[in-house]
């Protein structure tokens, strides 16, 4: 699993993007949870990539960071920690096939 912090997103739409704030405890917990679940993701510092947050629904923004994006759906910290970001068919093997 490769994590490349703060690089522009050029991948397929089925990848996970994690938007974080430097020094954020919840952001670190979210990274650990994704690693534990074996989900590859791309990390984005919200201060360096503000333009990527333009399409985030305001109700999600109000809940703070981290935010996880998967297939144009945004998940809050709570949703991520509860595993709501994965459907039963979205296992790492099925999501990331070439």
Foldseek 3Di string as FASTA:
>chain_A
DDEDEADDDDDDQQAKEKEDAPPDPLSVVLVVLCVVLVGDYYYYHCVNPVVVCPLPDPVQVVLPDTWMDGNNDIDHSVCSVVVVVDDPQDRNVNSDDD
